């Protein structure tokens, strides 16, 4: 079935999704297939943001940045939710929406994503600042506030 990600596994095997803990923070990184800068199209990026916002009943998003060819997402699981299932849901729904919008066949995302457990809230604050600074560091904008596809406002 096109646009569905049934076999995605984390590329960081030090913490398996099956062992993901509720109330634990994770930094998820997912890359666009073939590193195509598809999120350079603002509306394609907004479709991904909409999918992230639809996950409120599954997880708390603490921060995210949608770069032209990847997503960084700082997320905290809610009770009863598997990290693997959450990421699978986000990648599947966003792939379907973005590829339909762009009129492209195939899958949006690479088959693997990276997960990193965040052990302390102070580490999460530092990560959130790094995430939102990424567009400026990549030369996409001259000021962090000029980039439209990020959120960590509760932290900064």
C-alpha atoms as a PDB file:
ATOM      1  CA  UNK A   1       0.000   0.000   0.000  1.00  0.00           C
ATOM      2  CA  UNK A   2       1.632   3.250  -1.100  1.00  0.00           C
ATOM      3  CA  UNK A   3       2.408   5.773   1.619  1.00  0.00           C
ATOM      4  CA  UNK A   4       2.323   3.319   4.519  1.00  0.00           C
ATOM      5  CA  UNK A   5       5.354   2.608   6.695  1.00  0.00           C
ATOM      6  CA  UNK A   6       4.763  -0.829   8.231  1.00  0.00           C
ATOM      7  CA  UNK A   7       8.413  -1.817   8.715  1.00  0.00           C
ATOM      8  CA  UNK A   8      10.220   1.238  10.030  1.00  0.00           C
ATOM      9  CA  UNK A   9      12.759   0.530  12.711  1.00  0.00           C
ATOM     10  CA  UNK A  10      14.867   2.996  14.626  1.00  0.00           C
ATOM     11  CA  UNK A  11      18.409   3.381  13.351  1.00  0.00           C
ATOM     12  CA  UNK A  12      19.614   3.915  16.912  1.00  0.00           C
ATOM     13  CA  UNK A  13      19.341   0.429  18.412  1.00  0.00           C
ATOM     14  CA  UNK A  14      20.608   1.436  21.846  1.00  0.00           C
ATOM     15  CA  UNK A  15      17.005   2.090  22.903  1.00  0.00           C
ATOM     16  CA  UNK A  16      14.379   0.037  21.116  1.00  0.00           C
ATOM     17  CA  UNK A  17      10.912   1.504  20.617  1.00  0.00           C
ATOM     18  CA  UNK A  18       9.398  -1.470  22.413  1.00  0.00           C
ATOM     19  CA  UNK A  19      11.242  -0.303  25.535  1.00  0.00           C
ATOM     20  CA  UNK A  20      10.112   3.312  25.224  1.00  0.00           C
ATOM     21  CA  UNK A  21       8.789   4.653  28.482  1.00  0.00           C
ATOM     22  CA  UNK A  22       5.746   6.803  29.074  1.00  0.00           C
ATOM     23  CA  UNK A  23       6.648  10.297  30.270  1.00  0.00           C
ATOM     24  CA  UNK A  24      10.066   9.913  28.680  1.00  0.00           C
ATOM     25  CA  UNK A  25      11.310  12.452  26.156  1.00  0.00           C
ATOM     26  CA  UNK A  26      12.728  11.414  22.800  1.00  0.00           C
ATOM     27  CA  UNK A  27      14.357  13.314  19.988  1.00  0.00           C
ATOM     28  CA  UNK A  28      13.192  11.807  16.710  1.00  0.00           C
ATOM     29  CA  UNK A  29      14.927  12.581  13.427  1.00  0.00           C
ATOM     30  CA  UNK A  30      13.400  11.464  10.139  1.00  0.00           C
ATOM     31  CA  UNK A  31      14.876  12.189   6.715  1.00  0.00           C
ATOM     32  CA  UNK A  32      13.148  12.722   3.396  1.00  0.00           C
ATOM     33  CA  UNK A  33      13.923   9.918   0.931  1.00  0.00           C
ATOM     34  CA  UNK A  34      16.866  10.744  -1.333  1.00  0.00           C
ATOM     35  CA  UNK A  35      17.393  13.943   0.702  1.00  0.00           C
ATOM     36  CA  UNK A  36      15.001  15.827  -1.555  1.00  0.00           C
ATOM     37  CA  UNK A  37      14.239  19.291  -0.088  1.00  0.00           C
ATOM     38  CA  UNK A  38      10.478  18.765  -0.358  1.00  0.00           C
ATOM     39  CA  UNK A  39       9.759  20.862   2.725  1.00  0.00           C
ATOM     40  CA  UNK A  40      11.271  23.850   0.958  1.00  0.00           C
ATOM     41  CA  UNK A  41       7.653  24.158  -0.171  1.00  0.00           C
ATOM     42  CA  UNK A  42       6.057  25.929   2.802  1.00  0.00           C
ATOM     43  CA  UNK A  43       2.656  24.280   2.351  1.00  0.00           C
ATOM     44  CA  UNK A  44       4.230  20.813   2.297  1.00  0.00           C
ATOM     45  CA  UNK A  45       5.911  21.677   5.601  1.00  0.00           C
ATOM     46  CA  UNK A  46       2.617  22.903   7.056  1.00  0.00           C
ATOM     47  CA  UNK A  47       1.013  19.568   6.175  1.00  0.00           C
ATOM     48  CA  UNK A  48       3.661  17.829   8.297  1.00  0.00           C
ATOM     49  CA  UNK A  49       3.113  20.313  11.137  1.00  0.00           C
ATOM     50  CA  UNK A  50      -0.631  19.582  10.969  1.00  0.00           C
ATOM     51  CA  UNK A  51       0.079  15.863  11.362  1.00  0.00           C
ATOM     52  CA  UNK A  52       2.307  16.547  14.385  1.00  0.00           C
ATOM     53  CA  UNK A  53      -0.473  18.600  15.966  1.00  0.00           C
ATOM     54  CA  UNK A  54      -2.971  15.793  15.382  1.00  0.00           C
ATOM     55  CA  UNK A  55      -0.937  13.607  17.771  1.00  0.00           C
ATOM     56  CA  UNK A  56      -1.952  15.517  20.922  1.00  0.00           C
ATOM     57  CA  UNK A  57      -3.841  12.524  22.322  1.00  0.00           C
ATOM     58  CA  UNK A  58      -0.803  10.260  21.765  1.00  0.00           C
ATOM     59  CA  UNK A  59       2.123  12.459  22.765  1.00  0.00           C
ATOM     60  CA  UNK A  60       3.216  15.908  23.872  1.00  0.00           C
ATOM     61  CA  UNK A  61       5.312  17.745  21.321  1.00  0.00           C
ATOM     62  CA  UNK A  62       7.895  19.828  23.154  1.00  0.00           C
ATOM     63  CA  UNK A  63       9.659  21.164  20.073  1.00  0.00           C
ATOM     64  CA  UNK A  64      10.093  20.529  16.375  1.00  0.00           C
ATOM     65  CA  UNK A  65      11.745  21.958  13.309  1.00  0.00           C
ATOM     66  CA  UNK A  66      10.866  20.979   9.759  1.00  0.00           C
ATOM     67  CA  UNK A  67      13.959  21.502   7.627  1.00  0.00           C
ATOM     68  CA  UNK A  68      13.825  21.197   3.825  1.00  0.00           C
ATOM     69  CA  UNK A  69      14.866  17.537   3.913  1.00  0.00           C
ATOM     70  CA  UNK A  70      14.332  16.308   7.481  1.00  0.00           C
ATOM     71  CA  UNK A  71      12.319  16.590  10.684  1.00  0.00           C
ATOM     72  CA  UNK A  72      13.610  16.966  14.237  1.00  0.00           C
ATOM     73  CA  UNK A  73      10.871  16.282  16.788  1.00  0.00           C
ATOM     74  CA  UNK A  74      11.229  16.421  20.577  1.00  0.00           C
ATOM     75  CA  UNK A  75       8.318  14.395  21.927  1.00  0.00           C
ATOM     76  CA  UNK A  76       7.061  12.891  25.177  1.00  0.00           C
ATOM     77  CA  UNK A  77       4.914   9.736  25.040  1.00  0.00           C
ATOM     78  CA  UNK A  78       1.522   9.513  26.696  1.00  0.00           C
ATOM     79  CA  UNK A  79       0.249   6.427  28.522  1.00  0.00           C
ATOM     80  CA  UNK A  80      -0.486   3.444  26.311  1.00  0.00           C
ATOM     81  CA  UNK A  81       1.451   4.750  23.313  1.00  0.00           C
ATOM     82  CA  UNK A  82       4.370   2.997  21.664  1.00  0.00           C
ATOM     83  CA  UNK A  83       7.115   5.229  20.300  1.00  0.00           C
ATOM     84  CA  UNK A  84       7.379   3.034  17.213  1.00  0.00           C
ATOM     85  CA  UNK A  85       3.628   3.249  16.555  1.00  0.00           C
ATOM     86  CA  UNK A  86       3.625   7.014  17.106  1.00  0.00           C
ATOM     87  CA  UNK A  87       6.469   7.608  14.645  1.00  0.00           C
ATOM     88  CA  UNK A  88       4.961   5.147  12.172  1.00  0.00           C
ATOM     89  CA  UNK A  89       1.650   7.046  12.338  1.00  0.00           C
ATOM     90  CA  UNK A  90       3.278  10.449  11.820  1.00  0.00           C
ATOM     91  CA  UNK A  91       5.424   9.271   8.916  1.00  0.00           C
ATOM     92  CA  UNK A  92       2.547   7.474   7.216  1.00  0.00           C
ATOM     93  CA  UNK A  93       0.014  10.297   7.542  1.00  0.00           C
ATOM     94  CA  UNK A  94       2.485  12.993   6.551  1.00  0.00           C
ATOM     95  CA  UNK A  95       3.725  10.957   3.585  1.00  0.00           C
ATOM     96  CA  UNK A  96       0.207  10.515   2.290  1.00  0.00           C
ATOM     97  CA  UNK A  97      -0.691  14.206   2.718  1.00  0.00           C
ATOM     98  CA  UNK A  98       2.550  15.690   1.379  1.00  0.00           C
ATOM     99  CA  UNK A  99       2.961  13.383  -1.608  1.00  0.00           C
ATOM    100  CA  UNK A 100      -0.683  13.891  -2.588  1.00  0.00           C
ATOM    101  CA  UNK A 101      -0.241  17.679  -2.311  1.00  0.00           C
ATOM    102  CA  UNK A 102       2.976  17.629  -4.351  1.00  0.00           C
ATOM    103  CA  UNK A 103       1.496  15.204  -6.887  1.00  0.00           C
ATOM    104  CA  UNK A 104       4.405  12.792  -6.488  1.00  0.00           C
ATOM    105  CA  UNK A 105       4.321   8.987  -6.364  1.00  0.00           C
ATOM    106  CA  UNK A 106       6.059   6.898  -3.743  1.00  0.00           C
ATOM    107  CA  UNK A 107       7.071   7.413  -0.166  1.00  0.00           C
ATOM    108  CA  UNK A 108       8.178  10.645   1.432  1.00  0.00           C
ATOM    109  CA  UNK A 109      10.472   9.325   4.156  1.00  0.00           C
ATOM    110  CA  UNK A 110      13.535   7.095   4.358  1.00  0.00           C
ATOM    111  CA  UNK A 111      12.766   3.729   5.915  1.00  0.00           C
ATOM    112  CA  UNK A 112      14.715   4.436   9.089  1.00  0.00           C
ATOM    113  CA  UNK A 113      14.513   7.171  11.644  1.00  0.00           C
ATOM    114  CA  UNK A 114      16.752   8.013  14.561  1.00  0.00           C
ATOM    115  CA  UNK A 115      15.602   8.149  18.141  1.00  0.00           C
ATOM    116  CA  UNK A 116      17.532   9.530  21.061  1.00  0.00           C
ATOM    117  CA  UNK A 117      16.314   9.305  24.629  1.00  0.00           C
ATOM    118  CA  UNK A 118      16.504  12.621  26.449  1.00  0.00           C
ATOM    119  CA  UNK A 119      17.407  11.992  30.057  1.00  0.00           C
ATOM    120  CA  UNK A 120      16.999  15.418  31.692  1.00  0.00           C
ATOM    121  CA  UNK A 121      14.765  18.431  31.250  1.00  0.00           C
ATOM    122  CA  UNK A 122      17.845  20.660  31.071  1.00  0.00           C
ATOM    123  CA  UNK A 123      19.047  18.571  28.130  1.00  0.00           C
ATOM    124  CA  UNK A 124      15.608  18.996  26.509  1.00  0.00           C
ATOM    125  CA  UNK A 125      15.826  22.780  26.801  1.00  0.00           C
ATOM    126  CA  UNK A 126      19.255  22.775  25.144  1.00  0.00           C
ATOM    127  CA  UNK A 127      18.015  20.478  22.379  1.00  0.00           C
ATOM    128  CA  UNK A 128      14.965  22.683  21.767  1.00  0.00           C
ATOM    129  CA  UNK A 129      17.232  25.711  21.340  1.00  0.00           C
ATOM    130  CA  UNK A 130      19.459  23.789  18.930  1.00  0.00           C
ATOM    131  CA  UNK A 131      16.442  22.647  16.917  1.00  0.00           C
ATOM    132  CA  UNK A 132      15.049  26.114  16.382  1.00  0.00           C
ATOM    133  CA  UNK A 133      18.501  27.496  15.572  1.00  0.00           C
ATOM    134  CA  UNK A 134      19.047  24.936  12.786  1.00  0.00           C
ATOM    135  CA  UNK A 135      17.442  27.002   9.980  1.00  0.00           C
ATOM    136  CA  UNK A 136      19.609  30.025  10.829  1.00  0.00           C
ATOM    137  CA  UNK A 137      22.729  27.870  11.075  1.00  0.00           C
ATOM    138  CA  UNK A 138      21.899  26.331   7.687  1.00  0.00           C
ATOM    139  CA  UNK A 139      21.649  29.810   6.162  1.00  0.00           C
ATOM    140  CA  UNK A 140      17.932  29.531   5.396  1.00  0.00           C
ATOM    141  CA  UNK A 141      17.090  32.672   7.394  1.00  0.00           C
ATOM    142  CA  UNK A 142      19.002  35.428   9.120  1.00  0.00           C
ATOM    143  CA  UNK A 143      16.982  35.244  12.355  1.00  0.00           C
ATOM    144  CA  UNK A 144      15.356  32.264  14.080  1.00  0.00           C
ATOM    145  CA  UNK A 145      11.970  33.986  14.212  1.00  0.00           C
ATOM    146  CA  UNK A 146      11.937  34.340  10.413  1.00  0.00           C
ATOM    147  CA  UNK A 147      11.661  30.583   9.840  1.00  0.00           C
ATOM    148  CA  UNK A 148       8.024  29.461   9.823  1.00  0.00           C
ATOM    149  CA  UNK A 149       8.316  25.702  10.383  1.00  0.00           C
ATOM    150  CA  UNK A 150       9.321  25.319  14.017  1.00  0.00           C
ATOM    151  CA  UNK A 151       7.799  25.497  17.452  1.00  0.00           C
ATOM    152  CA  UNK A 152       9.317  25.507  20.891  1.00  0.00           C
ATOM    153  CA  UNK A 153       7.847  28.764  22.057  1.00  0.00           C
ATOM    154  CA  UNK A 154       6.972  27.395  25.495  1.00  0.00           C
ATOM    155  CA  UNK A 155      10.694  26.839  26.048  1.00  0.00           C
ATOM    156  CA  UNK A 156      12.260  29.971  24.606  1.00  0.00           C
END
